[in-house]
Amino acid sequence: MQELYPYADGPLLAEANADTASLQLIWQNGDTTQLPWLWLRDHCACSECRHPQTRERLYIPLDEVKAPRDISVTDGHLWLTWADGHRTAFHSGWLHQRRPETALPNVLPAQKPWRDRFTPERIPHADFLKPQGEQAWLTAMLRDGLALLTDGPLVEEEVSRLAEKIGPQRATNFGARFDVKSKPNPNNAAYTPVALALHIDLPNWRHPPDIQLLYCLENGATGGESTFADGERVIEALRAQDPSALRILSETPIDFRFQDETHDIAVRAPLIDLNADGTLHELRFNNWIRDTLHLPAEQMDGWYRAYRTLWTLFHSDEHQLEFTLEPGQMVAFDNRRVLHGRRSFDPNSGPRHLQGTYLDRDMLESRLRVIARQQG
């Protein structure tokens, strides 16, 4: 079937029983499935129907497909000869893996809200450079939304090298890779020594960055502790404490906007976006770049009340995680789920320099699938 994902360990076919609309398959272990003729024709993997190098589909399923003129199970695998003479072969293991009755193979971990006394996964830099260590880091990132890399080299651009091991860096108006340190004439509060309340980065973008990496090169300043809070955990708490606040914040679009001399990036969207099942899809929580609250006057008090409730939950000791990022450590987090912040620091007490970049979540998921496939 020209698949990269393994499937050959499935049971062999015992028989195939046809009717006018579909084919019933029975495997030697007793498993069964029913597949329409068009599905079987659509999934032919010969070189006429799939590109032999890219494995992309060439066949277009527009025509009505009738039962093949010949059906056989040979050596436990399925062979079909269609009315136009086209031949299709199916490996029994591939068909067994792709039965509609079973979920498709998935190595991605389910997201889990943080619980009490949550401790982020810590992966040594040297281990990350090996498949097993990278796999553990990726799994923790996708599951918890936060992970640490430790004992890394104190060299410029290491964050870019680590990111590009996974995928291309996501560029924004701050560039592909950015420096986080106090500097004159800043265009963002992160480039000052002031405390940063919990937030996500760039909620003013239509698609905010998914994953943020922050690599510590120097941290000799007094203060500057990093703070984090899990949006999934806090939204669960908000739902239990004040469901009306959750409804207001998830159903009321507001404006977010970033402006400097060369950029003006804005979007209107709810502060909380929920999936169809009510779970968290993404947050747009950033008090600095909330724009004018453009709502009917009768809705404003309710929105501010809901916002105050959520702010209090995020910044409560119960939901905050705090630690000092040490030189050679890299913290990574899901920017659309996990809020991050920083205590104020004294720039005159010592140097503080972090380098950061963003990655698309798709690249983490892709990399984890590839490593899992390579590890068998």
Protein backbone atom coordinates (compact mmCIF):
# COMPACT_ATOMS: atom_id res chain seq x y z
CA MET A 1 0.00 0.00 0.00
CA GLN A 2 3.08 2.29 -0.11
CA GLU A 3 2.42 3.35 3.49
CA LEU A 4 5.14 4.62 5.80
CA TYR A 5 3.14 3.79 8.93
CA PRO A 6 3.52 0.07 9.83
CA TYR A 7 0.54 -2.19 9.26
CA ALA A 8 1.86 -5.62 8.21
CA ASP A 9 1.21 -7.32 11.55
CA GLY A 10 -2.56 -7.48 11.02
CA PRO A 11 -4.34 -10.83 10.60
CA LEU A 12 -4.84 -12.42 7.19
CA LEU A 13 -8.19 -12.37 5.41
CA ALA A 14 -10.31 -15.50 5.49
CA GLU A 15 -13.06 -14.56 3.04
CA ALA A 16 -14.73 -11.73 1.12
CA ASN A 17 -18.50 -11.68 0.48
CA ALA A 18 -19.93 -9.25 -2.09
CA ASP A 19 -23.32 -7.66 -2.59
CA THR A 20 -24.37 -4.98 -5.07
CA ALA A 21 -23.20 -2.07 -2.88
CA SER A 22 -20.26 -3.30 -0.81
CA LEU A 23 -17.86 -6.02 0.24
CA GLN A 24 -17.92 -7.83 3.58
CA LEU A 25 -14.45 -8.84 4.77
CA ILE A 26 -13.81 -11.50 7.38
CA TRP A 27 -10.35 -11.96 8.88
CA GLN A 28 -8.97 -15.20 10.26
CA ASN A 29 -9.27 -13.85 13.82
CA GLY A 30 -13.02 -13.28 13.35
CA ASP A 31 -12.96 -9.49 12.84
CA THR A 32 -15.27 -8.18 10.11
CA THR A 33 -15.99 -4.98 8.24
CA GLN A 34 -18.22 -3.75 5.40
CA LEU A 35 -16.64 -1.49 2.74
CA PRO A 36 -18.49 0.20 -0.17
CA TRP A 37 -17.19 -0.37 -3.68
CA LEU A 38 -16.37 3.31 -4.16
CA TRP A 39 -14.23 3.29 -0.98
CA LEU A 40 -12.28 0.30 -2.24
CA ARG A 41 -11.75 1.85 -5.68
CA ASP A 42 -10.80 5.20 -4.11
CA HIS A 43 -8.09 3.56 -2.00
CA CYS A 44 -6.32 1.66 -4.76
CA ALA A 45 -2.58 2.23 -4.24
CA CYS A 46 -1.25 1.27 -7.67
CA SER A 47 1.00 3.71 -9.57
CA GLU A 48 -1.96 4.88 -11.68
CA CYS A 49 -4.00 5.79 -8.61
CA ARG A 50 -1.22 6.99 -6.26
CA HIS A 51 1.91 8.86 -7.21
CA PRO A 52 4.76 6.36 -6.69
CA GLN A 53 7.09 8.93 -5.07
CA THR A 54 4.80 11.33 -3.17
CA ARG A 55 2.10 8.72 -2.33
CA GLU A 56 -0.51 11.38 -3.08
CA ARG A 57 -3.85 10.30 -4.50
CA LEU A 58 -4.30 10.61 -8.27
CA TYR A 59 -7.68 8.90 -8.53
CA ILE A 60 -10.71 11.23 -8.32
CA PRO A 61 -13.84 9.51 -6.89
CA LEU A 62 -16.48 11.16 -9.08
CA ASP A 63 -17.96 8.25 -10.98
CA GLU A 64 -20.36 5.58 -9.79
CA VAL A 65 -18.48 2.35 -9.07
CA LYS A 66 -20.11 -1.06 -9.48
CA ALA A 67 -19.04 -4.39 -8.10
CA PRO A 68 -15.76 -5.75 -9.54
CA ARG A 69 -15.96 -8.51 -12.11
CA ASP A 70 -13.50 -10.60 -10.10
CA ILE A 71 -12.88 -10.81 -6.34
CA SER A 72 -10.33 -13.11 -4.75
CA VAL A 73 -8.54 -13.67 -1.46
CA THR A 74 -5.08 -14.98 -2.26
CA ASP A 75 -2.57 -15.84 0.47
CA GLY A 76 -4.78 -13.91 2.88
CA HIS A 77 -4.83 -10.66 0.85
CA LEU A 78 -7.54 -9.08 -1.31
CA TRP A 79 -7.42 -8.77 -5.12
CA LEU A 80 -10.07 -6.94 -7.16
CA THR A 81 -10.51 -6.64 -10.92
CA TRP A 82 -12.89 -3.81 -11.79
CA ALA A 83 -15.32 -3.70 -14.70
CA ASP A 84 -12.86 -1.63 -16.78
CA GLY A 85 -10.08 -4.16 -16.18
CA HIS A 86 -8.23 -2.10 -13.53
CA ARG A 87 -6.54 -4.27 -10.88
CA THR A 88 -6.39 -3.37 -7.18
CA ALA A 89 -4.49 -5.24 -4.48
CA PHE A 90 -5.02 -4.73 -0.74
CA HIS A 91 -2.77 -5.99 2.03
CA SER A 92 -4.90 -7.63 4.73
CA GLY A 93 -3.02 -5.82 7.52
CA TRP A 94 -3.65 -2.41 5.95
CA LEU A 95 -7.36 -3.13 5.55
CA HIS A 96 -7.58 -4.39 9.12
CA GLN A 97 -5.88 -1.25 10.43
CA ARG A 98 -8.22 1.02 8.42
CA ARG A 99 -11.55 -0.59 9.34
CA PRO A 100 -14.21 2.07 10.09
CA GLU A 101 -14.96 0.25 13.34
CA THR A 102 -11.54 1.13 14.79
CA ALA A 103 -9.76 4.42 15.42
CA LEU A 104 -6.91 5.31 13.11
CA PRO A 105 -3.42 4.84 14.56
CA ASN A 106 -2.54 7.73 16.84
CA VAL A 107 0.65 8.23 18.84
CA LEU A 108 -0.27 11.73 20.05
CA PRO A 109 -0.96 12.02 23.78
CA ALA A 110 -4.26 13.38 25.03
CA GLN A 111 -4.06 16.83 26.58
CA LYS A 112 -4.32 16.69 30.36
CA PRO A 113 -5.13 19.64 32.63
CA TRP A 114 -2.59 20.26 35.36
CA ARG A 115 -3.47 18.85 38.74
CA ASP A 116 -2.33 19.90 42.19
CA ARG A 117 1.47 19.94 42.62
CA PHE A 118 2.03 19.66 38.87
CA THR A 119 5.73 19.44 37.98
CA PRO A 120 6.81 19.97 34.38
CA GLU A 121 8.84 17.30 32.60
CA ARG A 122 12.60 18.05 32.54
CA ILE A 123 14.65 16.60 29.70
CA PRO A 124 18.45 17.06 29.63
CA HIS A 125 19.73 18.77 26.49
CA ALA A 126 21.96 15.79 25.66
CA ASP A 127 18.95 13.43 25.84
CA PHE A 128 16.85 15.69 23.61
CA LEU A 129 19.42 15.23 20.86
CA LYS A 130 18.56 11.48 20.85
CA PRO A 131 15.25 10.10 19.52
CA GLN A 132 14.02 8.79 22.89
CA GLY A 133 14.69 12.08 24.68
CA GLU A 134 13.10 14.14 21.93
CA GLN A 135 10.11 11.81 21.97
CA ALA A 136 9.72 12.28 25.74
CA TRP A 137 9.95 16.08 25.39
CA LEU A 138 7.42 16.19 22.54
CA THR A 139 5.02 13.94 24.44
CA ALA A 140 5.21 16.14 27.54
CA MET A 141 4.71 19.30 25.48
CA LEU A 142 1.61 18.00 23.71
CA ARG A 143 0.18 16.44 26.88
CA ASP A 144 0.91 19.12 29.49
CA GLY A 145 1.50 22.22 27.39
CA LEU A 146 4.77 22.90 29.24
CA ALA A 147 8.20 21.22 29.36
CA LEU A 148 11.77 22.11 30.28
CA LEU A 149 15.08 21.38 28.65
CA THR A 150 18.05 21.48 31.03
CA ASP A 151 21.87 21.57 30.96
CA GLY A 152 22.12 23.18 27.52
CA PRO A 153 25.12 25.10 26.13
CA LEU A 154 25.35 28.85 26.72
CA VAL A 155 25.66 29.77 23.05
CA GLU A 156 23.74 32.23 20.92
CA GLU A 157 21.06 30.82 18.60
CA GLU A 158 20.82 27.48 20.41
CA VAL A 159 17.06 28.03 20.65
CA SER A 160 16.91 28.26 16.84
CA ARG A 161 18.94 25.08 16.41
CA LEU A 162 16.67 23.18 18.80
CA ALA A 163 13.52 24.55 17.18
CA GLU A 164 14.64 23.66 13.67
CA LYS A 165 15.31 20.09 14.74
CA ILE A 166 11.50 19.94 14.94
CA GLY A 167 10.40 22.30 12.18
CA PRO A 168 10.74 25.81 10.71
CA GLN A 169 10.51 28.73 13.11
CA ARG A 170 7.25 30.68 12.99
CA ALA A 171 8.11 34.30 12.13
CA THR A 172 6.07 37.22 13.49
CA ASN A 173 6.46 41.00 13.47
CA PHE A 174 9.20 40.43 16.09
CA GLY A 175 11.15 38.22 13.68
CA ALA A 176 11.75 34.49 13.58
CA ARG A 177 14.01 34.57 16.65
CA PHE A 178 13.86 37.34 19.26
CA ASP A 179 15.87 38.50 22.29
CA VAL A 180 14.08 39.04 25.60
CA LYS A 181 16.01 41.57 27.65
CA SER A 182 15.63 45.11 28.92
CA LYS A 183 16.49 47.59 26.18
CA PRO A 184 15.91 51.26 25.35
CA ASN A 185 12.89 52.35 23.33
CA PRO A 186 11.03 49.02 23.68
CA ASN A 187 7.96 48.24 21.57
CA ASN A 188 6.79 45.48 23.93
CA ALA A 189 6.55 45.18 27.71
CA ALA A 190 8.70 42.01 27.58
CA TYR A 191 11.67 44.22 26.66
CA THR A 192 11.42 46.14 29.94
CA PRO A 193 12.16 45.03 33.54
CA VAL A 194 8.54 45.43 34.68
CA ALA A 195 6.49 42.52 35.96
CA LEU A 196 4.47 40.76 33.27
CA ALA A 197 1.08 39.50 34.36
CA LEU A 198 -0.01 36.16 32.93
CA HIS A 199 -0.81 36.33 29.23
CA ILE A 200 -0.50 34.65 25.86
CA ASP A 201 1.64 36.18 23.14
CA LEU A 202 0.12 37.87 20.09
CA PRO A 203 -3.64 37.38 20.64
CA ASN A 204 -4.03 40.17 18.07
CA TRP A 205 -3.07 37.69 15.32
CA ARG A 206 -5.74 35.72 13.51
CA HIS A 207 -3.69 32.62 14.32
CA PRO A 208 -1.50 33.29 17.39
CA PRO A 209 1.72 31.27 17.61
CA ASP A 210 1.18 27.77 18.95
CA ILE A 211 4.37 26.87 20.82
CA GLN A 212 6.84 29.29 22.38
CA LEU A 213 10.44 28.39 23.23
CA LEU A 214 12.46 30.56 25.63
CA TYR A 215 16.14 29.72 26.10
CA CYS A 216 18.01 31.28 29.04
CA LEU A 217 21.54 32.49 28.28
CA GLU A 218 21.99 34.76 31.32
CA ASN A 219 19.94 35.32 34.47
CA GLY A 220 21.97 37.12 37.09
CA ALA A 221 19.40 39.82 37.85
CA THR A 222 17.47 39.95 41.09
CA GLY A 223 13.86 38.86 40.49
CA GLY A 224 12.49 37.87 37.11
CA GLU A 225 10.96 34.56 38.22
CA SER A 226 8.86 32.90 35.49
CA THR A 227 5.18 32.24 36.14
CA PHE A 228 2.76 29.92 34.33
CA ALA A 229 -0.87 28.81 34.60
CA ASP A 230 -2.73 26.13 32.72
CA GLY A 231 -5.71 27.41 30.78
CA GLU A 232 -7.37 23.99 30.73
CA ARG A 233 -7.25 23.77 34.52
CA VAL A 234 -8.45 27.33 35.03
CA ILE A 235 -11.31 27.04 32.52
CA GLU A 236 -12.49 23.92 34.38
CA ALA A 237 -12.43 25.98 37.59
CA LEU A 238 -14.30 28.86 35.92
CA ARG A 239 -16.95 26.48 34.60
CA ALA A 240 -17.51 25.13 38.12
CA GLN A 241 -17.39 28.50 39.88
CA ASP A 242 -19.17 30.82 37.44
CA PRO A 243 -20.61 29.24 34.27
CA SER A 244 -22.19 32.54 33.25
CA ALA A 245 -18.74 34.17 33.19
CA LEU A 246 -17.48 31.36 30.95
CA ARG A 247 -20.44 31.88 28.63
CA ILE A 248 -19.84 35.65 28.39
CA LEU A 249 -16.10 35.36 27.75
CA SER A 250 -16.51 32.57 25.19
CA GLU A 251 -19.42 34.13 23.28
CA THR A 252 -18.47 37.83 23.23
CA PRO A 253 -15.92 38.93 20.60
CA ILE A 254 -13.63 41.78 21.67
CA ASP A 255 -10.78 43.62 19.95
CA PHE A 256 -7.04 42.95 20.25
CA ARG A 257 -4.49 45.21 18.61
CA PHE A 258 -0.73 45.78 18.46
CA GLN A 259 0.60 49.03 17.01
CA ASP A 260 4.09 50.46 16.55
CA GLU A 261 5.72 52.59 13.87
CA THR A 262 5.72 49.79 11.28
CA HIS A 263 2.91 47.40 12.28
CA ASP A 264 -0.80 47.53 13.08
CA ILE A 265 -2.08 44.01 13.62
CA ALA A 266 -5.62 43.52 14.93
CA VAL A 267 -8.32 40.91 15.27
CA ARG A 268 -11.74 40.64 16.91
CA ALA A 269 -12.44 37.37 18.72
CA PRO A 270 -13.68 36.01 22.07
CA LEU A 271 -11.19 35.81 24.91
CA ILE A 272 -12.00 32.09 25.27
CA ASP A 273 -12.63 29.76 22.34
CA LEU A 274 -14.22 26.40 23.19
CA ASN A 275 -14.41 23.23 21.15
CA ALA A 276 -17.79 21.73 20.27
CA ASP A 277 -17.59 19.49 23.35
CA GLY A 278 -16.96 22.47 25.64
CA THR A 279 -13.25 21.89 26.16
CA LEU A 280 -10.72 24.65 25.66
CA HIS A 281 -9.56 25.31 22.10
CA GLU A 282 -7.57 28.49 22.70
CA LEU A 283 -7.21 31.57 24.87
CA ARG A 284 -6.63 35.19 23.90
CA PHE A 285 -5.70 36.55 27.30
CA ASN A 286 -3.39 39.59 27.23
CA ASN A 287 -4.34 42.74 29.07
CA TRP A 288 -1.70 44.95 27.38
CA ILE A 289 -3.03 44.60 23.87
CA ARG A 290 -6.72 44.39 24.56
CA ASP A 291 -8.04 47.23 22.42
CA THR A 292 -11.00 49.48 23.21
CA LEU A 293 -13.85 47.41 24.64
CA HIS A 294 -16.34 47.98 21.83
CA LEU A 295 -19.56 46.51 23.23
CA PRO A 296 -23.09 47.75 23.84
CA ALA A 297 -23.16 49.62 27.15
CA GLU A 298 -25.55 47.12 28.72
CA GLN A 299 -23.03 44.29 28.15
CA MET A 300 -19.97 46.03 29.59
CA ASP A 301 -20.56 45.46 33.31
CA GLY A 302 -21.17 41.76 32.72
CA TRP A 303 -18.04 41.39 30.60
CA TYR A 304 -15.83 43.21 33.13
CA ARG A 305 -17.26 41.09 35.96
CA ALA A 306 -16.51 37.88 34.04
CA TYR A 307 -13.02 39.14 33.15
CA ARG A 308 -12.28 39.96 36.79
CA THR A 309 -13.35 36.47 37.84
CA LEU A 310 -11.09 34.81 35.27
CA TRP A 311 -8.16 37.12 36.09
CA THR A 312 -8.46 36.26 39.77
CA LEU A 313 -8.51 32.54 39.07
CA PHE A 314 -5.44 32.69 36.83
CA HIS A 315 -3.44 34.73 39.33
CA SER A 316 -4.39 32.74 42.42
CA ASP A 317 -1.69 30.70 44.19
CA GLU A 318 -3.78 27.58 43.53
CA HIS A 319 -3.30 27.84 39.78
CA GLN A 320 0.12 29.46 39.36
CA LEU A 321 3.43 27.69 38.84
CA GLU A 322 6.60 29.70 39.51
CA PHE A 323 10.30 28.97 39.08
CA THR A 324 13.52 30.72 38.11
CA LEU A 325 14.80 29.89 34.66
CA GLU A 326 18.50 29.08 34.95
CA PRO A 327 21.17 29.63 32.26
CA GLY A 328 21.24 26.62 29.94
CA GLN A 329 17.54 25.88 30.50
CA MET A 330 14.82 26.22 27.89
CA VAL A 331 11.16 26.41 28.79
CA ALA A 332 8.60 25.64 26.10
CA PHE A 333 4.85 26.02 26.39
CA ASP A 334 1.64 25.94 24.41
CA ASN A 335 1.02 29.64 23.87
CA ARG A 336 -2.68 29.15 23.13
CA ARG A 337 -3.29 27.13 26.28
CA VAL A 338 -0.68 27.96 28.96
CA LEU A 339 -0.38 31.56 30.15
CA HIS A 340 3.07 32.83 31.04
CA GLY A 341 4.39 35.82 32.95
CA ARG A 342 7.34 37.16 34.87
CA ARG A 343 8.08 38.91 38.15
CA SER A 344 9.81 42.28 37.85
CA PHE A 345 13.60 42.33 37.96
CA ASP A 346 16.35 44.84 38.66
CA PRO A 347 18.38 45.34 35.45
CA ASN A 348 21.18 46.94 37.49
CA SER A 349 21.68 43.82 39.63
CA GLY A 350 22.96 41.60 36.81
CA PRO A 351 22.38 40.57 33.18
CA ARG A 352 19.21 38.79 32.07
CA HIS A 353 19.03 37.50 28.50
CA LEU A 354 16.61 35.00 26.98
CA GLN A 355 16.25 34.10 23.32
CA GLY A 356 12.92 32.97 22.01
CA THR A 357 11.11 31.65 18.97
CA TYR A 358 7.81 30.02 18.02
CA LEU A 359 6.84 26.72 16.42
CA ASP A 360 3.61 25.49 14.89
CA ARG A 361 1.97 22.70 16.87
CA ASP A 362 1.61 20.74 13.62
CA MET A 363 5.41 20.43 13.51
CA LEU A 364 5.56 18.93 17.03
CA GLU A 365 2.83 16.45 16.16
CA SER A 366 4.51 15.58 12.87
CA ARG A 367 7.89 15.07 14.53
CA LEU A 368 6.40 12.82 17.21
CA ARG A 369 4.68 10.66 14.57
CA VAL A 370 7.91 10.34 12.58
CA ILE A 371 9.97 9.37 15.64
CA ALA A 372 7.35 6.86 16.75
CA ARG A 373 7.34 5.34 13.26
CA GLN A 374 11.13 5.16 13.18
CA GLN A 375 11.20 3.58 16.65
CA GLY A 376 8.71 0.95 15.49
